[in-house]
Amino acid sequence: MRKRFASGLLTAAVLAGTLGLGTTQATALSAETPRQVAAGAQAMAAPPGWILRDKYWTRGGCLEAGQDGVQRRHWDEFQCANGDLKWVLWTNR
């Protein structure tokens, strides 16, 4: 019984720590990406004239690539849309 209780507490602590770090990381990413356009309800739809750049397994990878393009001045704005199995990077130029 003690082992189950200790195991439950350990699991809860790890989960709480993971969720806390994930929230902090998401906040830091959104603070670093002021020119990111919010993904709309239609995952694959992008504003007219925007270019599909690439697809990524994770949202973080998509955000990193989009922000990298902004810093290199390849595009001014980007959008990471949730596709079927991957995140889709759209840019305004």
PDB file of N, CA and C in Angstrom:
ATOM      1  N   MET A   1       0.818  -1.190   0.000  1.00  0.00           N
ATOM      2  CA  MET A   1       0.000   0.000   0.000  1.00  0.00           C
ATOM      3  C   MET A   1       0.865   1.258   0.000  1.00  0.00           C
ATOM      4  N   ARG A   2       1.938   1.255   0.798  1.00  0.00           N
ATOM      5  CA  ARG A   2       2.825   2.416   0.834  1.00  0.00           C
ATOM      6  C   ARG A   2       3.486   2.647  -0.519  1.00  0.00           C
ATOM      7  N   LYS A   3       3.851   1.552  -1.179  1.00  0.00           N
ATOM      8  CA  LYS A   3       4.512   1.679  -2.483  1.00  0.00           C
ATOM      9  C   LYS A   3       3.567   2.308  -3.498  1.00  0.00           C
ATOM     10  N   ARG A   4       2.297   1.911  -3.472  1.00  0.00           N
ATOM     11  CA  ARG A   4       1.317   2.490  -4.398  1.00  0.00           C
ATOM     12  C   ARG A   4       1.121   3.975  -4.125  1.00  0.00           C
ATOM     13  N   PHE A   5       1.028   4.319  -2.851  1.00  0.00           N
ATOM     14  CA  PHE A   5       0.831   5.714  -2.477  1.00  0.00           C
ATOM     15  C   PHE A   5       2.043   6.553  -2.912  1.00  0.00           C
ATOM     16  N   ALA A   6       3.252   6.055  -2.617  1.00  0.00           N
ATOM     17  CA  ALA A   6       4.472   6.767  -2.996  1.00  0.00           C
ATOM     18  C   ALA A   6       4.582   6.865  -4.509  1.00  0.00           C
ATOM     19  N   SER A   7       4.234   5.798  -5.191  1.00  0.00           N
ATOM     20  CA  SER A   7       4.273   5.809  -6.649  1.00  0.00           C
ATOM     21  C   SER A   7       3.281   6.816  -7.217  1.00  0.00           C
ATOM     22  N   GLY A   8       2.095   6.880  -6.616  1.00  0.00           N
ATOM     23  CA  GLY A   8       1.077   7.846  -7.048  1.00  0.00           C
ATOM     24  C   GLY A   8       1.531   9.276  -6.840  1.00  0.00           C
ATOM     25  N   LEU A   9       2.160   9.541  -5.698  1.00  0.00           N
ATOM     26  CA  LEU A   9       2.671  10.884  -5.433  1.00  0.00           C
ATOM     27  C   LEU A   9       3.783  11.258  -6.410  1.00  0.00           C
ATOM     28  N   LEU A  10       4.661  10.317  -6.673  1.00  0.00           N
ATOM     29  CA  LEU A  10       5.752  10.572  -7.601  1.00  0.00           C
ATOM     30  C   LEU A  10       5.215  10.853  -9.002  1.00  0.00           C
ATOM     31  N   THR A  11       4.253  10.067  -9.422  1.00  0.00           N
ATOM     32  CA  THR A  11       3.643  10.274 -10.739  1.00  0.00           C
ATOM     33  C   THR A  11       2.971  11.637 -10.818  1.00  0.00           C
ATOM     34  N   ALA A  12       2.245  12.022  -9.774  1.00  0.00           N
ATOM     35  CA  ALA A  12       1.574  13.326  -9.749  1.00  0.00           C
ATOM     36  C   ALA A  12       2.591  14.462  -9.795  1.00  0.00           C
ATOM     37  N   ALA A  13       3.700  14.313  -9.070  1.00  0.00           N
ATOM     38  CA  ALA A  13       4.729  15.351  -9.057  1.00  0.00           C
ATOM     39  C   ALA A  13       5.387  15.490 -10.424  1.00  0.00           C
ATOM     40  N   VAL A  14       5.667  14.377 -11.066  1.00  0.00           N
ATOM     41  CA  VAL A  14       6.282  14.417 -12.394  1.00  0.00           C
ATOM     42  C   VAL A  14       5.326  15.044 -13.397  1.00  0.00           C
ATOM     43  N   LEU A  15       4.063  14.666 -13.333  1.00  0.00           N
ATOM     44  CA  LEU A  15       3.064  15.224 -14.240  1.00  0.00           C
ATOM     45  C   LEU A  15       2.916  16.724 -14.036  1.00  0.00           C
ATOM     46  N   ALA A  16       2.857  17.155 -12.790  1.00  0.00           N
ATOM     47  CA  ALA A  16       2.723  18.583 -12.496  1.00  0.00           C
ATOM     48  C   ALA A  16       3.953  19.350 -12.996  1.00  0.00           C
ATOM     49  N   GLY A  17       5.119  18.783 -12.798  1.00  0.00           N
ATOM     50  CA  GLY A  17       6.337  19.428 -13.282  1.00  0.00           C
ATOM     51  C   GLY A  17       6.373  19.509 -14.795  1.00  0.00           C
ATOM     52  N   THR A  18       5.954  18.449 -15.454  1.00  0.00           N
ATOM     53  CA  THR A  18       5.937  18.429 -16.915  1.00  0.00           C
ATOM     54  C   THR A  18       4.953  19.452 -17.451  1.00  0.00           C
ATOM     55  N   LEU A  19       3.772  19.505 -16.879  1.00  0.00           N
ATOM     56  CA  LEU A  19       2.774  20.481 -17.326  1.00  0.00           C
ATOM     57  C   LEU A  19       3.249  21.899 -17.067  1.00  0.00           C
ATOM     58  N   GLY A  20       3.878  22.126 -15.940  1.00  0.00           N
ATOM     59  CA  GLY A  20       4.393  23.455 -15.622  1.00  0.00           C
ATOM     60  C   GLY A  20       5.460  23.895 -16.599  1.00  0.00           C
ATOM     61  N   LEU A  21       6.384  23.003 -16.933  1.00  0.00           N
ATOM     62  CA  LEU A  21       7.429  23.340 -17.896  1.00  0.00           C
ATOM     63  C   LEU A  21       6.847  23.559 -19.282  1.00  0.00           C
ATOM     64  N   GLY A  22       5.877  22.751 -19.657  1.00  0.00           N
ATOM     65  CA  GLY A  22       5.250  22.909 -20.969  1.00  0.00           C
ATOM     66  C   GLY A  22       4.555  24.250 -21.097  1.00  0.00           C
ATOM     67  N   THR A  23       3.902  24.701 -20.030  1.00  0.00           N
ATOM     68  CA  THR A  23       3.224  25.988 -20.043  1.00  0.00           C
ATOM     69  C   THR A  23       4.234  27.114 -20.148  1.00  0.00           C
ATOM     70  N   THR A  24       5.326  27.012 -19.413  1.00  0.00           N
ATOM     71  CA  THR A  24       6.364  28.031 -19.464  1.00  0.00           C
ATOM     72  C   THR A  24       6.972  28.097 -20.849  1.00  0.00           C
ATOM     73  N   GLN A  25       7.248  26.952 -21.439  1.00  0.00           N
ATOM     74  CA  GLN A  25       7.845  26.926 -22.764  1.00  0.00           C
ATOM     75  C   GLN A  25       6.892  27.505 -23.804  1.00  0.00           C
ATOM     76  N   ALA A  26       5.626  27.176 -23.720  1.00  0.00           N
ATOM     77  CA  ALA A  26       4.654  27.706 -24.677  1.00  0.00           C
ATOM     78  C   ALA A  26       4.546  29.216 -24.546  1.00  0.00           C
ATOM     79  N   THR A  27       4.602  29.741 -23.327  1.00  0.00           N
ATOM     80  CA  THR A  27       4.543  31.176 -23.110  1.00  0.00           C
ATOM     81  C   THR A  27       5.779  31.841 -23.686  1.00  0.00           C
ATOM     82  N   ALA A  28       6.936  31.233 -23.476  1.00  0.00           N
ATOM     83  CA  ALA A  28       8.171  31.804 -24.002  1.00  0.00           C
ATOM     84  C   ALA A  28       8.159  31.802 -25.524  1.00  0.00           C
ATOM     85  N   LEU A  29       7.659  30.751 -26.138  1.00  0.00           N
ATOM     86  CA  LEU A  29       7.600  30.699 -27.594  1.00  0.00           C
ATOM     87  C   LEU A  29       6.669  31.751 -28.150  1.00  0.00           C
ATOM     88  N   SER A  30       5.513  31.920 -27.551  1.00  0.00           N
ATOM     89  CA  SER A  30       4.575  32.894 -28.077  1.00  0.00           C
ATOM     90  C   SER A  30       5.098  34.306 -27.874  1.00  0.00           C
ATOM     91  N   ALA A  31       5.900  34.533 -26.840  1.00  0.00           N
ATOM     92  CA  ALA A  31       6.495  35.848 -26.641  1.00  0.00           C
ATOM     93  C   ALA A  31       7.553  36.123 -27.701  1.00  0.00           C
ATOM     94  N   GLU A  32       8.215  35.084 -28.190  1.00  0.00           N
ATOM     95  CA  GLU A  32       9.258  35.242 -29.187  1.00  0.00           C
ATOM     96  C   GLU A  32       8.714  35.328 -30.607  1.00  0.00           C
ATOM     97  N   THR A  33       7.452  35.000 -30.812  1.00  0.00           N
ATOM     98  CA  THR A  33       6.901  34.977 -32.160  1.00  0.00           C
ATOM     99  C   THR A  33       5.770  35.984 -32.313  1.00  0.00           C
ATOM    100  N   PRO A  34       6.088  37.286 -32.239  1.00  0.00           N
ATOM    101  CA  PRO A  34       5.023  38.276 -32.322  1.00  0.00           C
ATOM    102  C   PRO A  34       4.389  38.370 -33.699  1.00  0.00           C
ATOM    103  N   ARG A  35       5.072  37.931 -34.729  1.00  0.00           N
ATOM    104  CA  ARG A  35       4.545  38.054 -36.077  1.00  0.00           C
ATOM    105  C   ARG A  35       3.872  36.785 -36.563  1.00  0.00           C
ATOM    106  N   GLN A  36       3.673  35.861 -35.672  1.00  0.00           N
ATOM    107  CA  GLN A  36       2.977  34.630 -36.045  1.00  0.00           C
ATOM    108  C   GLN A  36       1.490  34.909 -36.112  1.00  0.00           C
ATOM    109  N   VAL A  37       0.858  34.456 -37.159  1.00  0.00           N
ATOM    110  CA  VAL A  37      -0.578  34.608 -37.319  1.00  0.00           C
ATOM    111  C   VAL A  37      -1.250  33.408 -36.678  1.00  0.00           C
ATOM    112  N   ALA A  38      -2.301  33.643 -35.929  1.00  0.00           N
ATOM    113  CA  ALA A  38      -3.005  32.549 -35.249  1.00  0.00           C
ATOM    114  C   ALA A  38      -3.601  31.588 -36.270  1.00  0.00           C
ATOM    115  N   ALA A  39      -3.464  30.301 -35.994  1.00  0.00           N
ATOM    116  CA  ALA A  39      -4.031  29.283 -36.884  1.00  0.00           C
ATOM    117  C   ALA A  39      -5.543  29.291 -36.739  1.00  0.00           C
ATOM    118  N   GLY A  40      -6.226  29.296 -37.856  1.00  0.00           N
ATOM    119  CA  GLY A  40      -7.683  29.349 -37.843  1.00  0.00           C
ATOM    120  C   GLY A  40      -8.285  27.974 -37.691  1.00  0.00           C
ATOM    121  N   ALA A  41      -9.598  27.915 -37.802  1.00  0.00           N
ATOM    122  CA  ALA A  41     -10.312  26.649 -37.652  1.00  0.00           C
ATOM    123  C   ALA A  41     -10.018  25.709 -38.802  1.00  0.00           C
ATOM    124  N   GLN A  42      -9.769  26.258 -39.972  1.00  0.00           N
ATOM    125  CA  GLN A  42      -9.450  25.417 -41.119  1.00  0.00           C
ATOM    126  C   GLN A  42      -7.944  25.219 -41.146  1.00  0.00           C
ATOM    127  N   ALA A  43      -7.523  24.001 -40.870  1.00  0.00           N
ATOM    128  CA  ALA A  43      -6.100  23.722 -40.680  1.00  0.00           C
ATOM    129  C   ALA A  43      -5.276  23.980 -41.935  1.00  0.00           C
ATOM    130  N   MET A  44      -5.735  23.530 -43.076  1.00  0.00           N
ATOM    131  CA  MET A  44      -4.928  23.644 -44.276  1.00  0.00           C
ATOM    132  C   MET A  44      -5.168  24.955 -45.026  1.00  0.00           C
ATOM    133  N   ALA A  45      -6.140  25.729 -44.624  1.00  0.00           N
ATOM    134  CA  ALA A  45      -6.435  26.983 -45.311  1.00  0.00           C
ATOM    135  C   ALA A  45      -5.490  28.069 -44.834  1.00  0.00           C
ATOM    136  N   ALA A  46      -5.029  28.876 -45.757  1.00  0.00           N
ATOM    137  CA  ALA A  46      -4.172  30.000 -45.430  1.00  0.00           C
ATOM    138  C   ALA A  46      -4.710  31.224 -46.156  1.00  0.00           C
ATOM    139  N   PRO A  47      -4.308  32.401 -45.728  1.00  0.00           N
ATOM    140  CA  PRO A  47      -4.757  33.610 -46.424  1.00  0.00           C
ATOM    141  C   PRO A  47      -4.354  33.566 -47.900  1.00  0.00           C
ATOM    142  N   PRO A  48      -5.120  34.216 -48.762  1.00  0.00           N
ATOM    143  CA  PRO A  48      -4.795  34.217 -50.197  1.00  0.00           C
ATOM    144  C   PRO A  48      -3.386  34.755 -50.452  1.00  0.00           C
ATOM    145  N   GLY A  49      -2.673  34.075 -51.310  1.00  0.00           N
ATOM    146  CA  GLY A  49      -1.324  34.498 -51.670  1.00  0.00           C
ATOM    147  C   GLY A  49      -0.224  33.974 -50.769  1.00  0.00           C
ATOM    148  N   TRP A  50      -0.569  33.274 -49.706  1.00  0.00           N
ATOM    149  CA  TRP A  50       0.449  32.739 -48.817  1.00  0.00           C
ATOM    150  C   TRP A  50       1.045  31.473 -49.419  1.00  0.00           C
ATOM    151  N   ILE A  51       2.254  31.150 -49.003  1.00  0.00           N
ATOM    152  CA  ILE A  51       3.008  30.037 -49.574  1.00  0.00           C
ATOM    153  C   ILE A  51       3.168  28.920 -48.545  1.00  0.00           C
ATOM    154  N   LEU A  52       2.902  27.687 -48.971  1.00  0.00           N
ATOM    155  CA  LEU A  52       3.142  26.516 -48.133  1.00  0.00           C
ATOM    156  C   LEU A  52       4.644  26.232 -48.164  1.00  0.00           C
ATOM    157  N   ARG A  53       5.286  26.293 -47.016  1.00  0.00           N
ATOM    158  CA  ARG A  53       6.741  26.111 -46.952  1.00  0.00           C
ATOM    159  C   ARG A  53       7.148  24.671 -46.650  1.00  0.00           C
ATOM    160  N   ASP A  54       6.568  24.093 -45.593  1.00  0.00           N
ATOM    161  CA  ASP A  54       6.994  22.749 -45.201  1.00  0.00           C
ATOM    162  C   ASP A  54       6.014  22.200 -44.174  1.00  0.00           C
ATOM    163  N   LYS A  55       6.209  20.933 -43.823  1.00  0.00           N
ATOM    164  CA  LYS A  55       5.397  20.280 -42.802  1.00  0.00           C
ATOM    165  C   LYS A  55       6.326  19.748 -41.717  1.00  0.00           C
ATOM    166  N   TYR A  56       5.870  19.815 -40.463  1.00  0.00           N
ATOM    167  CA  TYR A  56       6.695  19.444 -39.314  1.00  0.00           C
ATOM    168  C   TYR A  56       5.931  18.492 -38.414  1.00  0.00           C
ATOM    169  N   TRP A  57       6.653  17.611 -37.744  1.00  0.00           N
ATOM    170  CA  TRP A  57       6.039  16.649 -36.826  1.00  0.00           C
ATOM    171  C   TRP A  57       5.529  17.323 -35.573  1.00  0.00           C
ATOM    172  N   THR A  58       6.208  18.401 -35.124  1.00  0.00           N
ATOM    173  CA  THR A  58       5.815  19.067 -33.886  1.00  0.00           C
ATOM    174  C   THR A  58       5.514  20.538 -34.132  1.00  0.00           C
ATOM    175  N   ARG A  59       4.687  21.113 -33.268  1.00  0.00           N
ATOM    176  CA  ARG A  59       4.363  22.539 -33.362  1.00  0.00           C
ATOM    177  C   ARG A  59       5.616  23.370 -33.073  1.00  0.00           C
ATOM    178  N   GLY A  60       6.413  22.898 -32.122  1.00  0.00           N
ATOM    179  CA  GLY A  60       7.647  23.606 -31.779  1.00  0.00           C
ATOM    180  C   GLY A  60       8.597  23.713 -32.950  1.00  0.00           C
ATOM    181  N   GLY A  61       8.716  22.636 -33.726  1.00  0.00           N
ATOM    182  CA  GLY A  61       9.572  22.664 -34.910  1.00  0.00           C
ATOM    183  C   GLY A  61       9.065  23.645 -35.948  1.00  0.00           C
ATOM    184  N   CYS A  62       7.753  23.683 -36.114  1.00  0.00           N
ATOM    185  CA  CYS A  62       7.143  24.612 -37.057  1.00  0.00           C
ATOM    186  C   CYS A  62       7.366  26.060 -36.615  1.00  0.00           C
ATOM    187  N   LEU A  63       7.133  26.335 -35.334  1.00  0.00           N
ATOM    188  CA  LEU A  63       7.327  27.684 -34.812  1.00  0.00           C
ATOM    189  C   LEU A  63       8.786  28.131 -34.941  1.00  0.00           C
ATOM    190  N   GLU A  64       9.693  27.219 -34.666  1.00  0.00           N
ATOM    191  CA  GLU A  64      11.119  27.537 -34.762  1.00  0.00           C
ATOM    192  C   GLU A  64      11.501  27.888 -36.198  1.00  0.00           C
ATOM    193  N   ALA A  65      11.029  27.102 -37.151  1.00  0.00           N
ATOM    194  CA  ALA A  65      11.325  27.370 -38.560  1.00  0.00           C
ATOM    195  C   ALA A  65      10.689  28.684 -39.011  1.00  0.00           C
ATOM    196  N   GLY A  66       9.467  28.935 -38.576  1.00  0.00           N
ATOM    197  CA  GLY A  66       8.801  30.187 -38.940  1.00  0.00           C
ATOM    198  C   GLY A  66       9.519  31.398 -38.383  1.00  0.00           C
ATOM    199  N   GLN A  67       9.899  31.335 -37.117  1.00  0.00           N
ATOM    200  CA  GLN A  67      10.614  32.448 -36.492  1.00  0.00           C
ATOM    201  C   GLN A  67      11.986  32.635 -37.117  1.00  0.00           C
ATOM    202  N   ASP A  68      12.633  31.543 -37.469  1.00  0.00           N
ATOM    203  CA  ASP A  68      13.936  31.624 -38.128  1.00  0.00           C
ATOM    204  C   ASP A  68      13.815  32.374 -39.457  1.00  0.00           C
ATOM    205  N   GLY A  69      12.758  32.104 -40.208  1.00  0.00           N
ATOM    206  CA  GLY A  69      12.533  32.807 -41.465  1.00  0.00           C
ATOM    207  C   GLY A  69      12.270  34.291 -41.267  1.00  0.00           C
ATOM    208  N   VAL A  70      11.571  34.642 -40.179  1.00  0.00           N
ATOM    209  CA  VAL A  70      11.335  36.061 -39.871  1.00  0.00           C
ATOM    210  C   VAL A  70      12.654  36.741 -39.540  1.00  0.00           C
ATOM    211  N   GLN A  71      13.477  36.096 -38.723  1.00  0.00           N
ATOM    212  CA  GLN A  71      14.760  36.681 -38.341  1.00  0.00           C
ATOM    213  C   GLN A  71      15.695  36.842 -39.537  1.00  0.00           C
ATOM    214  N   ARG A  72      15.620  35.925 -40.484  1.00  0.00           N
ATOM    215  CA  ARG A  72      16.452  36.006 -41.685  1.00  0.00           C
ATOM    216  C   ARG A  72      15.826  36.889 -42.764  1.00  0.00           C
ATOM    217  N   ARG A  73      14.637  37.398 -42.469  1.00  0.00           N
ATOM    218  CA  ARG A  73      13.890  38.286 -43.364  1.00  0.00           C
ATOM    219  C   ARG A  73      13.489  37.621 -44.674  1.00  0.00           C
ATOM    220  N   HIS A  74      13.209  36.313 -44.597  1.00  0.00           N
ATOM    221  CA  HIS A  74      12.684  35.604 -45.758  1.00  0.00           C
ATOM    222  C   HIS A  74      11.194  35.882 -45.896  1.00  0.00           C
ATOM    223  N   TRP A  75      10.506  36.111 -44.761  1.00  0.00           N
ATOM    224  CA  TRP A  75       9.097  36.466 -44.750  1.00  0.00           C
ATOM    225  C   TRP A  75       8.815  37.311 -43.513  1.00  0.00           C
ATOM    226  N   ASP A  76       7.683  38.014 -43.536  1.00  0.00           N
ATOM    227  CA  ASP A  76       7.321  38.897 -42.427  1.00  0.00           C
ATOM    228  C   ASP A  76       6.404  38.218 -41.415  1.00  0.00           C
ATOM    229  N   GLU A  77       5.514  37.352 -41.914  1.00  0.00           N
ATOM    230  CA  GLU A  77       4.555  36.674 -41.056  1.00  0.00           C
ATOM    231  C   GLU A  77       4.508  35.200 -41.418  1.00  0.00           C
ATOM    232  N   PHE A  78       4.115  34.394 -40.437  1.00  0.00           N
ATOM    233  CA  PHE A  78       3.965  32.969 -40.703  1.00  0.00           C
ATOM    234  C   PHE A  78       2.822  32.411 -39.877  1.00  0.00           C
ATOM    235  N   GLN A  79       2.392  31.236 -40.266  1.00  0.00           N
ATOM    236  CA  GLN A  79       1.293  30.556 -39.576  1.00  0.00           C
ATOM    237  C   GLN A  79       1.626  29.077 -39.504  1.00  0.00           C
ATOM    238  N   CYS A  80       1.502  28.498 -38.311  1.00  0.00           N
ATOM    239  CA  CYS A  80       1.651  27.060 -38.132  1.00  0.00           C
ATOM    240  C   CYS A  80       0.258  26.476 -37.956  1.00  0.00           C
ATOM    241  N   ALA A  81      -0.234  25.809 -38.981  1.00  0.00           N
ATOM    242  CA  ALA A  81      -1.574  25.238 -38.948  1.00  0.00           C
ATOM    243  C   ALA A  81      -1.480  23.754 -38.641  1.00  0.00           C
ATOM    244  N   ASN A  82      -2.421  23.261 -37.878  1.00  0.00           N
ATOM    245  CA  ASN A  82      -2.451  21.854 -37.511  1.00  0.00           C
ATOM    246  C   ASN A  82      -3.051  21.057 -38.656  1.00  0.00           C
ATOM    247  N   GLY A  83      -2.209  20.327 -39.369  1.00  0.00           N
ATOM    248  CA  GLY A  83      -2.667  19.478 -40.466  1.00  0.00           C
ATOM    249  C   GLY A  83      -3.151  18.142 -39.929  1.00  0.00           C
ATOM    250  N   ASP A  84      -3.326  17.172 -40.806  1.00  0.00           N
ATOM    251  CA  ASP A  84      -3.814  15.863 -40.379  1.00  0.00           C
ATOM    252  C   ASP A  84      -2.869  15.209 -39.384  1.00  0.00           C
ATOM    253  N   LEU A  85      -1.624  15.023 -39.763  1.00  0.00           N
ATOM    254  CA  LEU A  85      -0.656  14.385 -38.862  1.00  0.00           C
ATOM    255  C   LEU A  85       0.543  15.271 -38.570  1.00  0.00           C
ATOM    256  N   LYS A  86       0.647  16.388 -39.273  1.00  0.00           N
ATOM    257  CA  LYS A  86       1.807  17.262 -39.123  1.00  0.00           C
ATOM    258  C   LYS A  86       1.367  18.707 -39.021  1.00  0.00           C
ATOM    259  N   TRP A  87       2.281  19.570 -38.569  1.00  0.00           N
ATOM    260  CA  TRP A  87       2.056  21.008 -38.531  1.00  0.00           C
ATOM    261  C   TRP A  87       2.539  21.603 -39.839  1.00  0.00           C
ATOM    262  N   VAL A  88       1.754  22.488 -40.415  1.00  0.00           N
ATOM    263  CA  VAL A  88       2.025  23.046 -41.745  1.00  0.00           C
ATOM    264  C   VAL A  88       2.472  24.502 -41.577  1.00  0.00           C
ATOM    265  N   LEU A  89       3.605  24.855 -42.181  1.00  0.00           N
ATOM    266  CA  LEU A  89       4.139  26.216 -42.122  1.00  0.00           C
ATOM    267  C   LEU A  89       3.722  26.980 -43.375  1.00  0.00           C
ATOM    268  N   TRP A  90       2.949  28.039 -43.174  1.00  0.00           N
ATOM    269  CA  TRP A  90       2.552  28.955 -44.250  1.00  0.00           C
ATOM    270  C   TRP A  90       3.267  30.280 -44.013  1.00  0.00           C
ATOM    271  N   THR A  91       3.711  30.945 -45.086  1.00  0.00           N
ATOM    272  CA  THR A  91       4.349  32.253 -44.948  1.00  0.00           C
ATOM    273  C   THR A  91       3.707  33.246 -45.919  1.00  0.00           C
ATOM    274  N   ASN A  92       3.886  34.538 -45.620  1.00  0.00           N
ATOM    275  CA  ASN A  92       3.254  35.549 -46.447  1.00  0.00           C
ATOM    276  C   ASN A  92       4.055  35.881 -47.706  1.00  0.00           C
ATOM    277  N   ARG A  93       5.263  35.417 -47.813  1.00  0.00           N
ATOM    278  CA  ARG A  93       6.027  35.577 -49.060  1.00  0.00           C
ATOM    279  C   ARG A  93       7.104  34.545 -49.160  1.00  0.00           C
TER     280      ARG A  93
END
